[in-house]
Amino acid sequence: MRSWQPGPAWLFCPADRPDRFAKALERADVAILDLEDAVAPGRKAAAREALAAYTGYDGQRMIVRLNPAGSPEHDRDLDLVAALGITRVMLAKAQTPADLAGLAGCEVIVLLETPAGVVNARELLAADPVIGAMWGAEDLVAGLGGTASRDADGHYRPVAVHAQSTTLLAAKAAGKLAIDAVHLAITCLLYT
């Protein structure tokens, strides 16, 4: 395993909201500056511009989440990462080792959130420059034609549990980081 040992609390932050970057770092061990799902399609260029203008980037505690390989935005994300010298990234919707092209100078966390990504977890985690994996329940279930990763009782459906276990086993067998899915069931406390 690489020498980087991040803490357990990871927080996604839209990359087009630089006003939230420092706040995300205050509240988490790792802030993931998201160029993918957290940014509306029409705001992708603005997100890259905001990231390029940000002067407080912390390479130990910040990761940039890239759009999926093969998407219209991916090559632009790669250009930005290279220009800024960012070396730790998360690749959204990683499916095969070929998706890692162009990331040789980075440490990559693959996000396994498609059927192909979960099925190819072992190969992805064996590839350089991968240092770990995270899995994603919602996109995985959507990719299977479903609408919810959890049942009425709030438990993950069997396919989500399978993806979680597959990611954990493949990552640990490769001696790499394993990061659980985002937790979407956030309880809201109301103080009156």
Protein backbone atom coordinates (compact mmCIF):
# COMPACT_ATOMS: atom_id res chain seq x y z
CA MET A 1 0.00 0.00 0.00
CA ARG A 2 1.09 3.58 -0.62
CA SER A 3 2.20 5.69 2.32
CA TRP A 4 -0.88 7.94 2.28
CA GLN A 5 -3.17 6.98 5.18
CA PRO A 6 -6.21 9.29 5.12
CA GLY A 7 -8.70 9.62 7.95
CA PRO A 8 -12.16 8.04 7.70
CA ALA A 9 -14.37 11.10 7.06
CA TRP A 10 -14.57 11.98 3.35
CA LEU A 11 -16.82 14.76 2.06
CA PHE A 12 -17.79 15.55 -1.54
CA CYS A 13 -17.83 19.25 -2.45
CA PRO A 14 -18.97 20.67 -5.81
CA ALA A 15 -15.92 22.07 -7.60
CA ASP A 16 -17.96 25.02 -8.85
CA ARG A 17 -18.40 26.16 -5.22
CA PRO A 18 -14.94 27.33 -4.09
CA ASP A 19 -16.61 29.14 -1.19
CA ARG A 20 -17.18 25.67 0.32
CA PHE A 21 -13.68 24.18 -0.15
CA ALA A 22 -12.21 25.38 3.17
CA LYS A 23 -15.42 24.52 5.01
CA ALA A 24 -15.31 20.97 3.62
CA LEU A 25 -11.74 20.60 4.89
CA GLU A 26 -12.77 21.85 8.33
CA ARG A 27 -15.43 19.14 8.57
CA ALA A 28 -13.70 16.16 6.99
CA ASP A 29 -10.41 14.33 6.81
CA VAL A 30 -10.55 14.39 3.00
CA ALA A 31 -12.44 16.82 0.76
CA ILE A 32 -13.30 15.52 -2.69
CA LEU A 33 -13.59 18.45 -5.08
CA ASP A 34 -16.14 17.02 -7.47
CA LEU A 35 -16.08 17.83 -11.19
CA GLU A 36 -18.63 15.08 -11.93
CA ASP A 37 -22.10 14.47 -10.41
CA ALA A 38 -22.07 17.44 -8.02
CA VAL A 39 -21.71 19.86 -10.94
CA ALA A 40 -24.51 20.52 -13.42
CA PRO A 41 -23.55 19.86 -17.06
CA GLY A 42 -23.65 23.57 -17.90
CA ARG A 43 -21.30 24.40 -15.00
CA LYS A 44 -18.42 22.02 -15.79
CA ALA A 45 -16.21 24.72 -17.32
CA ALA A 46 -16.93 27.04 -14.37
CA ALA A 47 -15.98 24.24 -11.98
CA ARG A 48 -12.62 23.77 -13.71
CA GLU A 49 -12.05 27.54 -13.66
CA ALA A 50 -12.84 27.71 -9.94
CA LEU A 51 -10.45 24.86 -9.19
CA ALA A 52 -7.71 26.47 -11.31
CA ALA A 53 -8.14 29.78 -9.43
CA TYR A 54 -8.16 28.22 -5.95
CA THR A 55 -4.93 28.94 -4.07
CA GLY A 56 -5.53 26.83 -0.94
CA TYR A 57 -5.34 23.38 -2.52
CA ASP A 58 -4.10 20.79 0.00
CA GLY A 59 -2.65 17.81 -1.86
CA GLN A 60 -2.69 15.64 1.28
CA ARG A 61 -6.33 16.23 2.17
CA MET A 62 -7.98 17.08 -1.15
CA ILE A 63 -8.82 14.85 -4.09
CA VAL A 64 -10.29 15.89 -7.43
CA ARG A 65 -13.08 13.69 -8.75
CA LEU A 66 -12.85 13.42 -12.53
CA ASN A 67 -15.61 12.82 -15.01
CA PRO A 68 -15.69 9.26 -16.42
CA ALA A 69 -13.26 8.16 -19.11
CA GLY A 70 -14.88 8.50 -22.51
CA SER A 71 -17.17 11.32 -21.40
CA PRO A 72 -16.98 14.70 -23.17
CA GLU A 73 -15.52 16.32 -20.03
CA HIS A 74 -12.85 13.74 -19.16
CA ASP A 75 -10.04 15.02 -21.40
CA ARG A 76 -10.63 18.58 -20.15
CA ASP A 77 -10.38 17.29 -16.57
CA LEU A 78 -7.10 15.53 -17.41
CA ASP A 79 -5.69 18.75 -18.90
CA LEU A 80 -6.63 20.67 -15.73
CA VAL A 81 -5.10 18.10 -13.40
CA ALA A 82 -1.87 18.12 -15.42
CA ALA A 83 -1.73 21.92 -15.55
CA LEU A 84 -2.26 22.25 -11.79
CA GLY A 85 0.08 19.40 -10.87
CA ILE A 86 -2.67 17.54 -9.01
CA THR A 87 -1.48 14.01 -8.29
CA ARG A 88 -4.34 12.41 -6.35
CA VAL A 89 -7.66 11.93 -8.13
CA MET A 90 -10.84 9.87 -8.05
CA LEU A 91 -12.07 8.47 -11.36
CA ALA A 92 -15.85 8.34 -11.55
CA LYS A 93 -17.51 5.29 -13.10
CA ALA A 94 -14.24 3.40 -13.68
CA GLN A 95 -14.99 0.27 -15.69
CA THR A 96 -11.75 -1.21 -17.06
CA PRO A 97 -8.01 -0.60 -16.69
CA ALA A 98 -8.12 1.14 -20.09
CA ASP A 99 -10.06 3.95 -18.35
CA LEU A 100 -6.85 4.83 -16.50
CA ALA A 101 -5.13 6.08 -19.66
CA GLY A 102 -3.73 9.55 -19.12
CA LEU A 103 -3.46 9.13 -15.34
CA ALA A 104 0.02 7.61 -15.11
CA GLY A 105 1.35 10.53 -13.05
CA CYS A 106 -1.47 10.34 -10.50
CA GLU A 107 -2.54 8.23 -7.56
CA VAL A 108 -6.04 7.11 -8.50
CA ILE A 109 -9.00 6.01 -6.45
CA VAL A 110 -11.38 4.20 -8.78
CA LEU A 111 -15.07 4.68 -8.15
CA LEU A 112 -16.83 1.38 -8.84
CA GLU A 113 -20.39 2.44 -9.56
CA THR A 114 -21.31 0.60 -12.76
CA PRO A 115 -21.97 -3.09 -13.35
CA ALA A 116 -18.75 -3.35 -15.42
CA GLY A 117 -16.73 -1.55 -12.76
CA VAL A 118 -17.84 -3.96 -10.02
CA VAL A 119 -17.30 -7.01 -12.23
CA ASN A 120 -13.79 -5.74 -13.11
CA ALA A 121 -12.86 -4.66 -9.58
CA ARG A 122 -9.91 -7.05 -9.30
CA GLU A 123 -8.33 -5.94 -12.57
CA LEU A 124 -8.87 -2.25 -11.78
CA LEU A 125 -7.33 -2.57 -8.34
CA ALA A 126 -4.33 -4.47 -9.69
CA ALA A 127 -3.59 -1.68 -12.17
CA ASP A 128 -1.10 1.10 -11.73
CA PRO A 129 -1.67 3.91 -10.72
CA VAL A 130 -4.65 2.78 -8.57
CA ILE A 131 -4.22 3.24 -4.80
CA GLY A 132 -7.76 2.37 -3.74
CA ALA A 133 -11.42 2.01 -4.57
CA MET A 134 -14.75 3.38 -3.49
CA TRP A 135 -18.07 1.91 -4.56
CA GLY A 136 -21.28 3.74 -5.42
CA ALA A 137 -24.71 2.27 -4.78
CA GLU A 138 -26.98 4.75 -6.49
CA ASP A 139 -25.34 4.85 -9.92
CA LEU A 140 -24.83 1.09 -9.81
CA VAL A 141 -28.52 0.42 -9.22
CA ALA A 142 -29.49 2.98 -11.88
CA GLY A 143 -27.14 1.19 -14.30
CA LEU A 144 -29.06 -2.00 -13.62
CA GLY A 145 -32.39 -0.32 -14.37
CA GLY A 146 -33.37 0.05 -10.72
CA THR A 147 -34.46 3.09 -8.78
CA ALA A 148 -33.32 2.49 -5.18
CA SER A 149 -30.27 0.87 -3.62
CA ARG A 150 -32.10 0.25 -0.34
CA ASP A 151 -35.26 -1.63 0.56
CA ALA A 152 -38.18 -0.22 2.55
CA ASP A 153 -36.38 -0.98 5.84
CA GLY A 154 -33.36 1.07 4.76
CA HIS A 155 -31.04 -1.90 4.20
CA TYR A 156 -28.98 -2.23 1.05
CA ARG A 157 -30.47 -4.53 -1.58
CA PRO A 158 -28.48 -7.73 -2.23
CA VAL A 159 -26.80 -6.39 -5.39
CA ALA A 160 -25.51 -3.37 -3.44
CA VAL A 161 -24.18 -5.61 -0.66
CA HIS A 162 -22.45 -7.70 -3.33
CA ALA A 163 -20.81 -4.58 -4.83
CA GLN A 164 -19.73 -3.40 -1.38
CA SER A 165 -18.19 -6.77 -0.55
CA THR A 166 -16.55 -7.13 -3.96
CA THR A 167 -14.94 -3.70 -3.66
CA LEU A 168 -13.69 -4.37 -0.14
CA LEU A 169 -12.25 -7.79 -1.00
CA ALA A 170 -10.60 -6.65 -4.25
CA ALA A 171 -9.05 -3.59 -2.58
CA LYS A 172 -7.71 -5.43 0.43
CA ALA A 173 -6.45 -8.37 -1.67
CA ALA A 174 -4.44 -5.81 -3.66
CA GLY A 175 -3.21 -4.10 -0.47
CA LYS A 176 -5.02 -0.87 -1.31
CA LEU A 177 -7.52 1.51 0.27
CA ALA A 178 -11.19 0.55 0.47
CA ILE A 179 -13.68 3.38 0.91
CA ASP A 180 -17.35 2.74 1.57
CA ALA A 181 -20.17 4.38 -0.40
CA VAL A 182 -21.53 7.79 0.45
CA HIS A 183 -24.12 7.86 3.18
CA LEU A 184 -27.24 9.50 1.80
CA ALA A 185 -29.58 8.88 4.75
CA ILE A 186 -28.60 11.92 6.77
CA THR A 187 -30.84 12.59 9.74
CA CYS A 188 -31.78 16.23 10.09
CA LEU A 189 -31.90 17.55 13.63
CA LEU A 190 -34.32 20.40 14.18
CA TYR A 191 -33.76 22.62 17.19
CA THR A 192 -36.61 24.85 18.26
